[in-house]
Amino acid sequence: MLHALRRAVLAAARARALAALRAKIGSSYRSRSGSARQGTGRKPGVVRRSCAEDEPAGARPNSNTSRWVTNDDYRSRWNLEKMAGTARFALAIDARGKVTGCTITRSTGHAPLGAATCDLVTKRARFEAARDGTGKPVAGNYSGVITWQIPK
């Protein structure tokens, strides 16, 4: 008897919590059986606007990213020292789409390759500025990867 009472109390608590959640978020949910149920509490025929329309858009490259660093940028001294590796970087982009800062977030293990990555990307990269939810240009950031290989 005690177990049956406990199960009933827990089931009632779950039902109240689910009802409160449905009322709070005002969106559709799925029952355990998998059938869709509508829990918006809105009038039939009213369509809820997608949140994606209000979300900000990140900075996007305007230029071909494969041209930011080329084989011609690999120095002969680096070849003699067998320098190679993958550099991960993060860029700060202003509201005009210009690179204002570069940070190496994961090094190749060779300081000259990291420095060259930031120097070249800062000079060559062009961006469409990030936009806020209203479409206004704002500062943003961009992350990327450059793999330095010994030219053949």
C-alpha atoms as a PDB file:
ATOM      1  CA  MET A   1       0.000   0.000   0.000  1.00  0.00           C
ATOM      2  CA  LEU A   2       2.831   2.367   0.872  1.00  0.00           C
ATOM      3  CA  HIS A   3       4.494   1.758  -2.512  1.00  0.00           C
ATOM      4  CA  ALA A   4       1.261   2.439  -4.397  1.00  0.00           C
ATOM      5  CA  LEU A   5       0.802   5.712  -2.491  1.00  0.00           C
ATOM      6  CA  ARG A   6       4.402   6.721  -3.172  1.00  0.00           C
ATOM      7  CA  ARG A   7       3.996   6.025  -6.925  1.00  0.00           C
ATOM      8  CA  ALA A   8       0.781   8.085  -7.019  1.00  0.00           C
ATOM      9  CA  VAL A   9       2.452  11.044  -5.271  1.00  0.00           C
ATOM     10  CA  LEU A  10       5.449  10.919  -7.620  1.00  0.00           C
ATOM     11  CA  ALA A  11       3.211  10.666 -10.693  1.00  0.00           C
ATOM     12  CA  ALA A  12       1.178  13.677  -9.531  1.00  0.00           C
ATOM     13  CA  ALA A  13       4.388  15.669  -8.880  1.00  0.00           C
ATOM     14  CA  ARG A  14       5.702  14.799 -12.360  1.00  0.00           C
ATOM     15  CA  ALA A  15       2.410  15.836 -13.964  1.00  0.00           C
ATOM     16  CA  ARG A  16       2.445  19.190 -12.118  1.00  0.00           C
ATOM     17  CA  ALA A  17       6.074  19.831 -13.084  1.00  0.00           C
ATOM     18  CA  LEU A  18       5.378  18.981 -16.725  1.00  0.00           C
ATOM     19  CA  ALA A  19       2.299  21.223 -16.805  1.00  0.00           C
ATOM     20  CA  ALA A  20       4.301  24.086 -15.271  1.00  0.00           C
ATOM     21  CA  LEU A  21       7.083  23.568 -17.792  1.00  0.00           C
ATOM     22  CA  ARG A  22       4.622  23.551 -20.709  1.00  0.00           C
ATOM     23  CA  ALA A  23       3.046  26.778 -19.469  1.00  0.00           C
ATOM     24  CA  LYS A  24       6.455  28.403 -18.990  1.00  0.00           C
ATOM     25  CA  ILE A  25       8.035  27.561 -22.358  1.00  0.00           C
ATOM     26  CA  GLY A  26       4.833  27.632 -24.391  1.00  0.00           C
ATOM     27  CA  SER A  27       6.003  25.169 -27.010  1.00  0.00           C
ATOM     28  CA  SER A  28       5.145  21.716 -28.245  1.00  0.00           C
ATOM     29  CA  TYR A  29       6.359  18.669 -26.374  1.00  0.00           C
ATOM     30  CA  ARG A  30       6.358  14.918 -26.848  1.00  0.00           C
ATOM     31  CA  SER A  31       4.613  12.436 -24.614  1.00  0.00           C
ATOM     32  CA  ARG A  32       6.241   9.137 -23.699  1.00  0.00           C
ATOM     33  CA  SER A  33       4.352   7.423 -26.494  1.00  0.00           C
ATOM     34  CA  GLY A  34       6.077   9.748 -28.970  1.00  0.00           C
ATOM     35  CA  SER A  35       2.949  11.423 -30.300  1.00  0.00           C
ATOM     36  CA  ALA A  36       3.224  15.181 -30.660  1.00  0.00           C
ATOM     37  CA  ARG A  37       0.999  17.307 -28.476  1.00  0.00           C
ATOM     38  CA  GLN A  38       0.536  21.039 -28.638  1.00  0.00           C
ATOM     39  CA  GLY A  39       0.995  22.879 -25.356  1.00  0.00           C
ATOM     40  CA  THR A  40       1.190  26.511 -26.446  1.00  0.00           C
ATOM     41  CA  GLY A  41      -2.088  27.689 -24.992  1.00  0.00           C
ATOM     42  CA  ARG A  42      -2.461  29.958 -28.028  1.00  0.00           C
ATOM     43  CA  LYS A  43      -5.409  30.315 -30.347  1.00  0.00           C
ATOM     44  CA  PRO A  44      -5.519  27.862 -33.253  1.00  0.00           C
ATOM     45  CA  GLY A  45      -3.903  29.226 -36.407  1.00  0.00           C
ATOM     46  CA  VAL A  46      -1.430  31.518 -34.599  1.00  0.00           C
ATOM     47  CA  VAL A  47       2.102  30.679 -35.712  1.00  0.00           C
ATOM     48  CA  ARG A  48       4.962  31.294 -33.344  1.00  0.00           C
ATOM     49  CA  ARG A  49       7.869  33.127 -34.997  1.00  0.00           C
ATOM     50  CA  SER A  50      11.171  31.269 -35.027  1.00  0.00           C
ATOM     51  CA  CYS A  51      13.798  32.484 -32.571  1.00  0.00           C
ATOM     52  CA  ALA A  52      16.477  32.087 -35.265  1.00  0.00           C
ATOM     53  CA  GLU A  53      15.351  35.339 -36.874  1.00  0.00           C
ATOM     54  CA  ASP A  54      16.461  37.268 -33.777  1.00  0.00           C
ATOM     55  CA  GLU A  55      19.755  35.467 -33.262  1.00  0.00           C
ATOM     56  CA  PRO A  56      23.016  37.232 -34.081  1.00  0.00           C
ATOM     57  CA  ALA A  57      25.092  36.199 -37.093  1.00  0.00           C
ATOM     58  CA  GLY A  58      28.827  35.674 -36.703  1.00  0.00           C
ATOM     59  CA  ALA A  59      31.585  37.205 -38.800  1.00  0.00           C
ATOM     60  CA  ARG A  60      32.001  35.442 -42.167  1.00  0.00           C
ATOM     61  CA  PRO A  61      35.031  35.534 -44.472  1.00  0.00           C
ATOM     62  CA  ASN A  62      34.603  37.677 -47.598  1.00  0.00           C
ATOM     63  CA  SER A  63      37.822  36.385 -49.111  1.00  0.00           C
ATOM     64  CA  ASN A  64      38.907  32.879 -50.088  1.00  0.00           C
ATOM     65  CA  THR A  65      40.388  31.380 -46.913  1.00  0.00           C
ATOM     66  CA  SER A  66      42.758  29.158 -48.921  1.00  0.00           C
ATOM     67  CA  ARG A  67      44.560  32.306 -50.123  1.00  0.00           C
ATOM     68  CA  TRP A  68      45.282  33.635 -46.653  1.00  0.00           C
ATOM     69  CA  VAL A  69      48.416  31.442 -46.396  1.00  0.00           C
ATOM     70  CA  THR A  70      50.010  29.773 -49.424  1.00  0.00           C
ATOM     71  CA  ASN A  71      53.054  27.605 -50.160  1.00  0.00           C
ATOM     72  CA  ASP A  72      54.882  30.778 -51.237  1.00  0.00           C
ATOM     73  CA  ASP A  73      54.691  31.952 -47.620  1.00  0.00           C
ATOM     74  CA  TYR A  74      56.726  28.981 -46.370  1.00  0.00           C
ATOM     75  CA  ARG A  75      60.308  30.211 -45.847  1.00  0.00           C
ATOM     76  CA  SER A  76      63.324  28.180 -46.922  1.00  0.00           C
ATOM     77  CA  ARG A  77      64.833  28.456 -43.423  1.00  0.00           C
ATOM     78  CA  TRP A  78      61.765  26.674 -42.027  1.00  0.00           C
ATOM     79  CA  ASN A  79      62.326  23.876 -44.554  1.00  0.00           C
ATOM     80  CA  LEU A  80      65.916  23.427 -43.316  1.00  0.00           C
ATOM     81  CA  GLU A  81      64.631  23.229 -39.730  1.00  0.00           C
ATOM     82  CA  LYS A  82      61.787  20.858 -40.769  1.00  0.00           C
ATOM     83  CA  MET A  83      59.118  23.124 -39.271  1.00  0.00           C
ATOM     84  CA  ALA A  84      55.581  21.917 -39.850  1.00  0.00           C
ATOM     85  CA  GLY A  85      52.336  21.649 -37.916  1.00  0.00           C
ATOM     86  CA  THR A  86      48.807  22.906 -37.478  1.00  0.00           C
ATOM     87  CA  ALA A  87      48.122  26.307 -35.928  1.00  0.00           C
ATOM     88  CA  ARG A  88      44.666  27.078 -34.556  1.00  0.00           C
ATOM     89  CA  PHE A  89      43.856  30.768 -34.271  1.00  0.00           C
ATOM     90  CA  ALA A  90      41.127  33.129 -33.104  1.00  0.00           C
ATOM     91  CA  LEU A  91      40.526  36.510 -34.731  1.00  0.00           C
ATOM     92  CA  ALA A  92      38.809  39.588 -33.345  1.00  0.00           C
ATOM     93  CA  ILE A  93      36.759  41.301 -36.058  1.00  0.00           C
ATOM     94  CA  ASP A  94      35.459  44.877 -35.736  1.00  0.00           C
ATOM     95  CA  ALA A  95      32.046  46.121 -36.876  1.00  0.00           C
ATOM     96  CA  ARG A  96      33.545  47.062 -40.278  1.00  0.00           C
ATOM     97  CA  GLY A  97      34.782  43.499 -40.892  1.00  0.00           C
ATOM     98  CA  LYS A  98      38.468  44.293 -40.293  1.00  0.00           C
ATOM     99  CA  VAL A  99      40.721  41.967 -38.287  1.00  0.00           C
ATOM    100  CA  THR A 100      41.760  43.793 -35.123  1.00  0.00           C
ATOM    101  CA  GLY A 101      43.509  40.978 -33.268  1.00  0.00           C
ATOM    102  CA  CYS A 102      44.857  37.460 -33.621  1.00  0.00           C
ATOM    103  CA  THR A 103      45.647  34.852 -30.994  1.00  0.00           C
ATOM    104  CA  ILE A 104      47.157  31.418 -31.505  1.00  0.00           C
ATOM    105  CA  THR A 105      44.898  29.067 -29.554  1.00  0.00           C
ATOM    106  CA  ARG A 106      46.894  25.923 -30.332  1.00  0.00           C
ATOM    107  CA  SER A 107      50.497  26.143 -31.428  1.00  0.00           C
ATOM    108  CA  THR A 108      52.397  24.176 -34.044  1.00  0.00           C
ATOM    109  CA  GLY A 109      55.238  23.978 -31.553  1.00  0.00           C
ATOM    110  CA  HIS A 110      57.246  26.435 -33.657  1.00  0.00           C
ATOM    111  CA  ALA A 111      56.971  30.123 -32.685  1.00  0.00           C
ATOM    112  CA  PRO A 112      57.846  31.412 -36.198  1.00  0.00           C
ATOM    113  CA  LEU A 113      54.917  29.479 -37.728  1.00  0.00           C
ATOM    114  CA  GLY A 114      52.498  30.879 -35.157  1.00  0.00           C
ATOM    115  CA  ALA A 115      53.742  34.429 -35.708  1.00  0.00           C
ATOM    116  CA  ALA A 116      53.520  34.027 -39.491  1.00  0.00           C
ATOM    117  CA  THR A 117      49.986  32.623 -39.174  1.00  0.00           C
ATOM    118  CA  CYS A 118      48.754  35.703 -37.312  1.00  0.00           C
ATOM    119  CA  ASP A 119      50.704  38.162 -39.488  1.00  0.00           C
ATOM    120  CA  LEU A 120      49.449  36.723 -42.780  1.00  0.00           C
ATOM    121  CA  VAL A 121      45.854  36.156 -41.718  1.00  0.00           C
ATOM    122  CA  THR A 122      45.621  39.653 -40.202  1.00  0.00           C
ATOM    123  CA  LYS A 123      46.872  41.194 -43.465  1.00  0.00           C
ATOM    124  CA  ARG A 124      44.911  39.059 -45.938  1.00  0.00           C
ATOM    125  CA  ALA A 125      41.635  38.077 -44.312  1.00  0.00           C
ATOM    126  CA  ARG A 126      38.524  40.129 -45.095  1.00  0.00           C
ATOM    127  CA  PHE A 127      35.202  39.630 -43.367  1.00  0.00           C
ATOM    128  CA  GLU A 128      31.559  40.470 -43.499  1.00  0.00           C
ATOM    129  CA  ALA A 129      30.987  41.877 -40.023  1.00  0.00           C
ATOM    130  CA  ALA A 130      28.974  39.989 -37.444  1.00  0.00           C
ATOM    131  CA  ARG A 131      25.400  41.216 -36.996  1.00  0.00           C
ATOM    132  CA  ASP A 132      23.215  41.461 -33.943  1.00  0.00           C
ATOM    133  CA  GLY A 133      19.595  40.288 -33.811  1.00  0.00           C
ATOM    134  CA  THR A 134      18.415  43.487 -35.520  1.00  0.00           C
ATOM    135  CA  GLY A 135      20.929  43.215 -38.378  1.00  0.00           C
ATOM    136  CA  LYS A 136      23.234  45.961 -37.096  1.00  0.00           C
ATOM    137  CA  PRO A 137      26.982  45.327 -37.695  1.00  0.00           C
ATOM    138  CA  VAL A 138      28.814  44.501 -34.467  1.00  0.00           C
ATOM    139  CA  ALA A 139      32.245  43.271 -33.448  1.00  0.00           C
ATOM    140  CA  GLY A 140      32.659  39.519 -33.592  1.00  0.00           C
ATOM    141  CA  ASN A 141      35.232  36.768 -33.826  1.00  0.00           C
ATOM    142  CA  TYR A 142      36.308  33.950 -36.081  1.00  0.00           C
ATOM    143  CA  SER A 143      38.320  30.793 -35.410  1.00  0.00           C
ATOM    144  CA  GLY A 144      40.339  28.897 -37.968  1.00  0.00           C
ATOM    145  CA  VAL A 145      43.145  26.465 -38.670  1.00  0.00           C
ATOM    146  CA  ILE A 146      46.261  26.733 -40.829  1.00  0.00           C
ATOM    147  CA  THR A 147      48.300  23.618 -41.559  1.00  0.00           C
ATOM    148  CA  TRP A 148      51.918  24.314 -42.413  1.00  0.00           C
ATOM    149  CA  GLN A 149      53.512  21.558 -44.521  1.00  0.00           C
ATOM    150  CA  ILE A 150      57.006  21.334 -45.912  1.00  0.00           C
ATOM    151  CA  PRO A 151      56.637  22.081 -49.648  1.00  0.00           C
ATOM    152  CA  LYS A 152      57.673  19.297 -52.025  1.00  0.00           C
END
